[in-house]
Amino acid sequence: MPDETAKSMYISARDKFSALLVQETEAKQQISHWGPIVEQLAKLAGEALEPEIAKRIKELKEENEREAGHEMGLTEAIRWVFRQPQLVPLTPTQVRDELAKMGYDLEKYAFVMPPIHNTLKRMRDAGEIREVEGLGGLGRAFVSAK
């Protein structure tokens, strides 16, 4: 028969460990979100990033590139684009440009914009992204709904 004190200590330690894993995941998401924002704002402000911050932002970019490198469908690739921190909503052509920047093979499409528009529409209808007014009222743009 197991020792009740040991069992109680195990349950407490397991619950604490599980809570820390959740905190770790949330912290990583926050770091991934704020890194590019800090980098862009530093450029706008004419400030140099501290070396340790610049190093970590570079590591995050490399991780994202490795993550984006696996073959994925267009919908998943567009989801990946919207998971990246953006300061402004993205127009469909900006989505195309981001796909190209991440190395997604757009050459397999004879005309790339129709499938992007269709995917954005499906994602909007599914509640994954929201349609908003583009900057300066220029067309439509999208932001993550999450």
N, C-alpha and C. Protein backbone atom coordinates (compact mmCIF):
# COMPACT_ATOMS: atom_id res chain seq x y z
N MET A 1 0.84 -1.19 0.00
CA MET A 1 0.00 0.00 0.00
C MET A 1 0.89 1.24 0.00
N PRO A 2 0.62 2.20 -0.91
CA PRO A 2 1.47 3.39 -0.99
C PRO A 2 1.36 4.27 0.25
N ASP A 3 2.44 4.94 0.53
CA ASP A 3 2.50 5.88 1.65
C ASP A 3 1.64 7.10 1.31
N GLU A 4 0.67 7.42 2.15
CA GLU A 4 -0.26 8.53 1.89
C GLU A 4 0.46 9.88 1.89
N THR A 5 1.45 10.05 2.71
CA THR A 5 2.20 11.31 2.74
C THR A 5 2.96 11.49 1.43
N ALA A 6 3.61 10.43 0.97
CA ALA A 6 4.34 10.50 -0.29
C ALA A 6 3.38 10.76 -1.45
N LYS A 7 2.22 10.12 -1.42
CA LYS A 7 1.23 10.33 -2.48
C LYS A 7 0.74 11.77 -2.49
N SER A 8 0.48 12.32 -1.33
CA SER A 8 0.04 13.71 -1.21
C SER A 8 1.12 14.67 -1.70
N MET A 9 2.37 14.39 -1.35
CA MET A 9 3.48 15.24 -1.80
C MET A 9 3.64 15.15 -3.32
N TYR A 10 3.48 13.93 -3.86
CA TYR A 10 3.57 13.74 -5.31
C TYR A 10 2.49 14.56 -6.02
N ILE A 11 1.26 14.47 -5.57
CA ILE A 11 0.15 15.20 -6.20
C ILE A 11 0.41 16.70 -6.15
N SER A 12 0.88 17.18 -5.03
CA SER A 12 1.19 18.61 -4.89
C SER A 12 2.31 19.03 -5.84
N ALA A 13 3.38 18.23 -5.91
CA ALA A 13 4.51 18.54 -6.79
C ALA A 13 4.09 18.45 -8.25
N ARG A 14 3.30 17.45 -8.60
CA ARG A 14 2.82 17.29 -9.97
C ARG A 14 1.97 18.49 -10.39
N ASP A 15 1.07 18.93 -9.51
CA ASP A 15 0.21 20.07 -9.82
C ASP A 15 1.04 21.35 -9.98
N LYS A 16 2.03 21.53 -9.12
CA LYS A 16 2.90 22.70 -9.22
C LYS A 16 3.68 22.67 -10.54
N PHE A 17 4.21 21.50 -10.88
CA PHE A 17 4.96 21.34 -12.13
C PHE A 17 4.07 21.64 -13.33
N SER A 18 2.85 21.12 -13.33
CA SER A 18 1.91 21.37 -14.42
C SER A 18 1.61 22.86 -14.56
N ALA A 19 1.42 23.54 -13.44
CA ALA A 19 1.15 24.98 -13.47
C ALA A 19 2.35 25.74 -14.03
N LEU A 20 3.56 25.31 -13.67
CA LEU A 20 4.76 25.96 -14.20
C LEU A 20 4.90 25.74 -15.70
N LEU A 21 4.52 24.56 -16.19
CA LEU A 21 4.56 24.31 -17.64
C LEU A 21 3.61 25.24 -18.38
N VAL A 22 2.44 25.49 -17.81
CA VAL A 22 1.49 26.42 -18.43
C VAL A 22 2.09 27.82 -18.44
N GLN A 23 2.69 28.23 -17.32
CA GLN A 23 3.33 29.55 -17.25
C GLN A 23 4.47 29.67 -18.27
N GLU A 24 5.23 28.59 -18.43
CA GLU A 24 6.33 28.59 -19.39
C GLU A 24 5.80 28.80 -20.81
N THR A 25 4.74 28.09 -21.16
CA THR A 25 4.14 28.22 -22.49
C THR A 25 3.64 29.64 -22.71
N GLU A 26 2.96 30.19 -21.71
CA GLU A 26 2.44 31.56 -21.82
C GLU A 26 3.58 32.56 -21.94
N ALA A 27 4.64 32.36 -21.17
CA ALA A 27 5.80 33.28 -21.23
C ALA A 27 6.46 33.22 -22.61
N LYS A 28 6.60 32.02 -23.17
CA LYS A 28 7.20 31.88 -24.50
C LYS A 28 6.35 32.58 -25.55
N GLN A 29 5.03 32.46 -25.44
CA GLN A 29 4.14 33.15 -26.38
C GLN A 29 4.29 34.66 -26.26
N GLN A 30 4.37 35.16 -25.05
CA GLN A 30 4.53 36.60 -24.83
C GLN A 30 5.88 37.08 -25.38
N ILE A 31 6.93 36.31 -25.14
CA ILE A 31 8.26 36.68 -25.64
C ILE A 31 8.25 36.72 -27.16
N SER A 32 7.64 35.70 -27.79
CA SER A 32 7.56 35.67 -29.25
C SER A 32 6.76 36.84 -29.78
N HIS A 33 5.75 37.25 -29.05
CA HIS A 33 4.92 38.38 -29.48
C HIS A 33 5.65 39.71 -29.35
N TRP A 34 6.31 39.93 -28.22
CA TRP A 34 6.90 41.24 -27.93
C TRP A 34 8.25 41.48 -28.57
N GLY A 35 9.00 40.42 -28.88
CA GLY A 35 10.32 40.59 -29.48
C GLY A 35 10.31 41.43 -30.74
N PRO A 36 9.52 41.06 -31.76
CA PRO A 36 9.51 41.87 -32.98
C PRO A 36 8.97 43.29 -32.76
N ILE A 37 8.05 43.44 -31.82
CA ILE A 37 7.52 44.77 -31.53
C ILE A 37 8.61 45.65 -30.95
N VAL A 38 9.36 45.11 -30.00
CA VAL A 38 10.47 45.87 -29.41
C VAL A 38 11.48 46.23 -30.49
N GLU A 39 11.78 45.27 -31.36
CA GLU A 39 12.75 45.52 -32.44
C GLU A 39 12.27 46.65 -33.36
N GLN A 40 11.01 46.60 -33.78
CA GLN A 40 10.48 47.62 -34.68
C GLN A 40 10.40 48.98 -34.01
N LEU A 41 9.99 49.00 -32.76
CA LEU A 41 9.90 50.29 -32.05
C LEU A 41 11.28 50.89 -31.80
N ALA A 42 12.27 50.05 -31.56
CA ALA A 42 13.64 50.55 -31.39
C ALA A 42 14.10 51.24 -32.66
N LYS A 43 13.79 50.63 -33.82
CA LYS A 43 14.16 51.25 -35.10
C LYS A 43 13.47 52.59 -35.26
N LEU A 44 12.16 52.63 -34.97
CA LEU A 44 11.41 53.88 -35.10
C LEU A 44 11.94 54.97 -34.17
N ALA A 45 12.36 54.56 -32.98
CA ALA A 45 12.85 55.52 -31.99
C ALA A 45 14.33 55.86 -32.19
N GLY A 46 14.99 55.17 -33.13
CA GLY A 46 16.41 55.41 -33.34
C GLY A 46 17.28 54.91 -32.20
N GLU A 47 16.80 53.90 -31.51
CA GLU A 47 17.53 53.34 -30.37
C GLU A 47 18.20 52.03 -30.76
N ALA A 48 19.32 51.74 -30.14
CA ALA A 48 20.00 50.47 -30.36
C ALA A 48 19.49 49.46 -29.33
N LEU A 49 19.25 48.25 -29.78
CA LEU A 49 18.82 47.20 -28.87
C LEU A 49 19.99 46.77 -27.99
N GLU A 50 19.69 46.45 -26.73
CA GLU A 50 20.71 45.91 -25.86
C GLU A 50 21.16 44.57 -26.44
N PRO A 51 22.43 44.22 -26.32
CA PRO A 51 22.94 42.99 -26.94
C PRO A 51 22.17 41.72 -26.57
N GLU A 52 21.79 41.57 -25.30
CA GLU A 52 21.08 40.35 -24.91
C GLU A 52 19.68 40.29 -25.52
N ILE A 53 19.02 41.45 -25.69
CA ILE A 53 17.71 41.49 -26.33
C ILE A 53 17.86 41.20 -27.82
N ALA A 54 18.84 41.82 -28.46
CA ALA A 54 19.07 41.60 -29.89
C ALA A 54 19.39 40.12 -30.16
N LYS A 55 20.18 39.52 -29.28
CA LYS A 55 20.54 38.10 -29.44
C LYS A 55 19.30 37.22 -29.34
N ARG A 56 18.45 37.49 -28.37
CA ARG A 56 17.24 36.67 -28.19
C ARG A 56 16.26 36.86 -29.35
N ILE A 57 16.13 38.08 -29.86
CA ILE A 57 15.25 38.32 -31.00
C ILE A 57 15.77 37.56 -32.22
N LYS A 58 17.09 37.56 -32.41
CA LYS A 58 17.68 36.81 -33.52
C LYS A 58 17.39 35.32 -33.37
N GLU A 59 17.51 34.78 -32.17
CA GLU A 59 17.21 33.37 -31.92
C GLU A 59 15.74 33.06 -32.23
N LEU A 60 14.83 33.98 -31.84
CA LEU A 60 13.41 33.78 -32.11
C LEU A 60 13.14 33.73 -33.62
N LYS A 61 13.81 34.62 -34.37
CA LYS A 61 13.64 34.63 -35.82
C LYS A 61 14.12 33.31 -36.42
N GLU A 62 15.24 32.81 -35.95
CA GLU A 62 15.77 31.55 -36.46
C GLU A 62 14.84 30.39 -36.13
N GLU A 63 14.26 30.40 -34.93
CA GLU A 63 13.30 29.36 -34.54
C GLU A 63 12.07 29.42 -35.45
N ASN A 64 11.58 30.63 -35.71
CA ASN A 64 10.41 30.79 -36.58
C ASN A 64 10.71 30.32 -37.99
N GLU A 65 11.91 30.61 -38.49
CA GLU A 65 12.27 30.17 -39.84
C GLU A 65 12.34 28.65 -39.92
N ARG A 66 12.90 28.01 -38.89
CA ARG A 66 12.95 26.55 -38.87
C ARG A 66 11.53 25.98 -38.81
N GLU A 67 10.68 26.59 -37.99
CA GLU A 67 9.30 26.14 -37.85
C GLU A 67 8.55 26.31 -39.16
N ALA A 68 8.81 27.39 -39.87
CA ALA A 68 8.11 27.66 -41.12
C ALA A 68 8.65 26.81 -42.26
N GLY A 69 9.84 26.24 -42.07
CA GLY A 69 10.48 25.52 -43.16
C GLY A 69 9.81 24.23 -43.56
N HIS A 70 9.01 23.63 -42.67
CA HIS A 70 8.38 22.37 -43.06
C HIS A 70 7.26 22.64 -44.06
N GLU A 71 7.02 21.67 -44.92
CA GLU A 71 6.01 21.84 -45.98
C GLU A 71 4.62 21.90 -45.34
N MET A 72 3.89 22.91 -45.69
CA MET A 72 2.54 23.06 -45.17
C MET A 72 1.64 23.56 -46.28
N GLY A 73 0.36 23.37 -46.09
CA GLY A 73 -0.61 23.86 -47.05
C GLY A 73 -0.77 25.37 -46.95
N LEU A 74 -1.46 25.93 -47.90
CA LEU A 74 -1.64 27.38 -47.94
C LEU A 74 -2.36 27.90 -46.71
N THR A 75 -3.41 27.21 -46.29
CA THR A 75 -4.16 27.68 -45.12
C THR A 75 -3.28 27.71 -43.89
N GLU A 76 -2.52 26.64 -43.65
CA GLU A 76 -1.64 26.60 -42.49
C GLU A 76 -0.55 27.67 -42.59
N ALA A 77 -0.05 27.90 -43.78
CA ALA A 77 0.97 28.93 -43.97
C ALA A 77 0.40 30.31 -43.65
N ILE A 78 -0.83 30.57 -44.08
CA ILE A 78 -1.45 31.86 -43.78
C ILE A 78 -1.74 31.97 -42.30
N ARG A 79 -2.15 30.87 -41.67
CA ARG A 79 -2.32 30.89 -40.20
C ARG A 79 -1.01 31.26 -39.52
N TRP A 80 0.08 30.69 -40.02
CA TRP A 80 1.40 30.98 -39.44
C TRP A 80 1.70 32.47 -39.57
N VAL A 81 1.39 33.06 -40.73
CA VAL A 81 1.62 34.49 -40.95
C VAL A 81 0.87 35.30 -39.89
N PHE A 82 -0.38 34.95 -39.61
CA PHE A 82 -1.18 35.71 -38.65
C PHE A 82 -0.80 35.42 -37.21
N ARG A 83 -0.06 34.35 -36.96
CA ARG A 83 0.44 34.11 -35.60
C ARG A 83 1.66 34.97 -35.29
N GLN A 84 2.29 35.52 -36.32
CA GLN A 84 3.44 36.39 -36.11
C GLN A 84 2.94 37.77 -35.68
N PRO A 85 3.63 38.41 -34.76
CA PRO A 85 3.18 39.73 -34.30
C PRO A 85 3.22 40.75 -35.44
N GLN A 86 2.14 41.47 -35.60
CA GLN A 86 2.05 42.50 -36.63
C GLN A 86 1.62 43.81 -35.96
N LEU A 87 2.21 44.89 -36.36
CA LEU A 87 1.81 46.20 -35.83
C LEU A 87 0.59 46.75 -36.56
N VAL A 88 0.38 46.32 -37.79
CA VAL A 88 -0.74 46.82 -38.59
C VAL A 88 -1.47 45.63 -39.22
N PRO A 89 -2.74 45.81 -39.58
CA PRO A 89 -3.45 44.75 -40.30
C PRO A 89 -2.78 44.46 -41.64
N LEU A 90 -2.98 43.24 -42.14
CA LEU A 90 -2.36 42.83 -43.39
C LEU A 90 -3.38 42.80 -44.53
N THR A 91 -3.01 43.38 -45.65
CA THR A 91 -3.82 43.27 -46.84
C THR A 91 -3.51 41.93 -47.50
N PRO A 92 -4.34 41.46 -48.42
CA PRO A 92 -4.03 40.19 -49.10
C PRO A 92 -2.66 40.20 -49.78
N THR A 93 -2.26 41.31 -50.40
CA THR A 93 -0.94 41.33 -51.04
C THR A 93 0.18 41.29 -50.00
N GLN A 94 -0.03 41.87 -48.83
CA GLN A 94 0.97 41.78 -47.77
C GLN A 94 1.06 40.35 -47.24
N VAL A 95 -0.08 39.65 -47.19
CA VAL A 95 -0.06 38.24 -46.81
C VAL A 95 0.79 37.46 -47.81
N ARG A 96 0.59 37.72 -49.11
CA ARG A 96 1.40 37.08 -50.16
C ARG A 96 2.88 37.36 -49.93
N ASP A 97 3.21 38.62 -49.64
CA ASP A 97 4.61 38.99 -49.42
C ASP A 97 5.19 38.29 -48.20
N GLU A 98 4.39 38.16 -47.14
CA GLU A 98 4.86 37.46 -45.94
C GLU A 98 5.08 35.98 -46.22
N LEU A 99 4.19 35.39 -47.02
CA LEU A 99 4.36 33.98 -47.40
C LEU A 99 5.67 33.80 -48.16
N ALA A 100 5.95 34.72 -49.09
CA ALA A 100 7.19 34.65 -49.87
C ALA A 100 8.40 34.82 -48.94
N LYS A 101 8.29 35.75 -47.99
CA LYS A 101 9.40 36.02 -47.07
C LYS A 101 9.71 34.80 -46.21
N MET A 102 8.67 34.04 -45.83
CA MET A 102 8.90 32.87 -44.99
C MET A 102 9.38 31.67 -45.81
N GLY A 103 9.43 31.83 -47.15
CA GLY A 103 9.94 30.77 -47.99
C GLY A 103 8.87 29.84 -48.52
N TYR A 104 7.61 30.21 -48.38
CA TYR A 104 6.52 29.37 -48.89
C TYR A 104 6.57 29.37 -50.42
N ASP A 105 6.42 28.21 -51.03
CA ASP A 105 6.52 28.07 -52.48
C ASP A 105 5.24 28.57 -53.16
N LEU A 106 5.28 29.81 -53.63
CA LEU A 106 4.13 30.40 -54.32
C LEU A 106 4.15 30.08 -55.81
N GLU A 107 5.26 29.58 -56.30
CA GLU A 107 5.40 29.31 -57.73
C GLU A 107 4.53 28.15 -58.19
N LYS A 108 4.02 27.37 -57.26
CA LYS A 108 3.17 26.25 -57.65
C LYS A 108 1.79 26.72 -58.11
N TYR A 109 1.50 28.01 -57.89
CA TYR A 109 0.23 28.58 -58.31
C TYR A 109 0.44 29.41 -59.58
N ALA A 110 -0.39 29.17 -60.60
CA ALA A 110 -0.32 29.98 -61.82
C ALA A 110 -0.72 31.42 -61.49
N PHE A 111 -1.76 31.56 -60.69
CA PHE A 111 -2.22 32.86 -60.21
C PHE A 111 -2.36 32.73 -58.70
N VAL A 112 -1.50 33.40 -57.97
CA VAL A 112 -1.42 33.18 -56.53
C VAL A 112 -2.50 33.92 -55.73
N MET A 113 -2.96 35.06 -56.20
CA MET A 113 -3.87 35.86 -55.39
C MET A 113 -5.26 35.22 -55.20
N PRO A 114 -5.87 34.58 -56.19
CA PRO A 114 -7.18 33.98 -55.94
C PRO A 114 -7.20 32.97 -54.79
N PRO A 115 -6.23 32.03 -54.70
CA PRO A 115 -6.28 31.12 -53.55
C PRO A 115 -6.03 31.84 -52.22
N ILE A 116 -5.23 32.89 -52.23
CA ILE A 116 -5.01 33.65 -51.00
C ILE A 116 -6.31 34.34 -50.59
N HIS A 117 -6.98 35.00 -51.54
CA HIS A 117 -8.25 35.65 -51.23
C HIS A 117 -9.28 34.63 -50.72
N ASN A 118 -9.37 33.48 -51.38
CA ASN A 118 -10.32 32.45 -50.97
C ASN A 118 -10.01 31.94 -49.56
N THR A 119 -8.73 31.73 -49.28
CA THR A 119 -8.33 31.24 -47.96
C THR A 119 -8.63 32.28 -46.89
N LEU A 120 -8.33 33.55 -47.18
CA LEU A 120 -8.63 34.61 -46.21
C LEU A 120 -10.13 34.69 -45.94
N LYS A 121 -10.93 34.53 -46.98
CA LYS A 121 -12.39 34.57 -46.82
C LYS A 121 -12.85 33.41 -45.94
N ARG A 122 -12.34 32.20 -46.21
CA ARG A 122 -12.72 31.04 -45.39
C ARG A 122 -12.29 31.24 -43.94
N MET A 123 -11.08 31.76 -43.75
CA MET A 123 -10.59 31.98 -42.39
C MET A 123 -11.44 33.05 -41.68
N ARG A 124 -11.83 34.08 -42.41
CA ARG A 124 -12.69 35.13 -41.85
C ARG A 124 -14.04 34.53 -41.46
N ASP A 125 -14.62 33.76 -42.36
CA ASP A 125 -15.93 33.15 -42.10
C ASP A 125 -15.87 32.18 -40.92
N ALA A 126 -14.72 31.55 -40.72
CA ALA A 126 -14.55 30.61 -39.60
C ALA A 126 -14.21 31.33 -38.30
N GLY A 127 -14.01 32.65 -38.36
CA GLY A 127 -13.69 33.41 -37.15
C GLY A 127 -12.23 33.38 -36.76
N GLU A 128 -11.35 32.90 -37.64
CA GLU A 128 -9.93 32.85 -37.32
C GLU A 128 -9.26 34.21 -37.47
N ILE A 129 -9.75 35.01 -38.42
CA ILE A 129 -9.23 36.36 -38.63
C ILE A 129 -10.42 37.30 -38.75
N ARG A 130 -10.15 38.59 -38.55
CA ARG A 130 -11.19 39.62 -38.69
C ARG A 130 -10.82 40.54 -39.83
N GLU A 131 -11.82 40.99 -40.56
CA GLU A 131 -11.60 41.95 -41.63
C GLU A 131 -11.75 43.35 -41.04
N VAL A 132 -10.79 44.20 -41.32
CA VAL A 132 -10.82 45.58 -40.82
C VAL A 132 -10.50 46.53 -41.96
N GLU A 133 -10.71 47.80 -41.72
CA GLU A 133 -10.38 48.82 -42.71
C GLU A 133 -8.86 48.88 -42.86
N GLY A 134 -8.39 48.91 -44.09
CA GLY A 134 -6.96 49.02 -44.35
C GLY A 134 -6.44 50.39 -43.92
N LEU A 135 -5.14 50.52 -43.78
CA LEU A 135 -4.54 51.80 -43.41
C LEU A 135 -4.93 52.87 -44.40
N GLY A 136 -5.38 54.00 -43.91
CA GLY A 136 -5.75 55.10 -44.78
C GLY A 136 -6.98 54.80 -45.60
N GLY A 137 -7.76 53.81 -45.19
CA GLY A 137 -8.97 53.45 -45.90
C GLY A 137 -8.71 52.72 -47.21
N LEU A 138 -7.49 52.24 -47.41
CA LEU A 138 -7.14 51.55 -48.65
C LEU A 138 -7.52 50.09 -48.60
N GLY A 139 -8.70 49.76 -49.09
CA GLY A 139 -9.11 48.37 -49.20
C GLY A 139 -9.34 47.70 -47.87
N ARG A 140 -9.29 46.38 -47.90
CA ARG A 140 -9.52 45.61 -46.70
C ARG A 140 -8.21 45.01 -46.21
N ALA A 141 -8.19 44.75 -44.93
CA ALA A 141 -7.02 44.13 -44.32
C ALA A 141 -7.54 43.17 -43.26
N PHE A 142 -6.65 42.37 -42.74
CA PHE A 142 -7.05 41.33 -41.79
C PHE A 142 -6.12 41.33 -40.58
N VAL A 143 -6.70 40.97 -39.45
CA VAL A 143 -5.94 40.77 -38.22
C VAL A 143 -6.40 39.47 -37.60
N SER A 144 -5.58 38.90 -36.77
CA SER A 144 -5.94 37.66 -36.09
C SER A 144 -7.14 37.93 -35.19
N ALA A 145 -8.06 36.98 -35.13
CA ALA A 145 -9.23 37.11 -34.27
C ALA A 145 -8.93 36.62 -32.86
N LYS A 146 -7.71 36.11 -32.66
CA LYS A 146 -7.36 35.54 -31.35
C LYS A 146 -6.46 36.46 -30.59
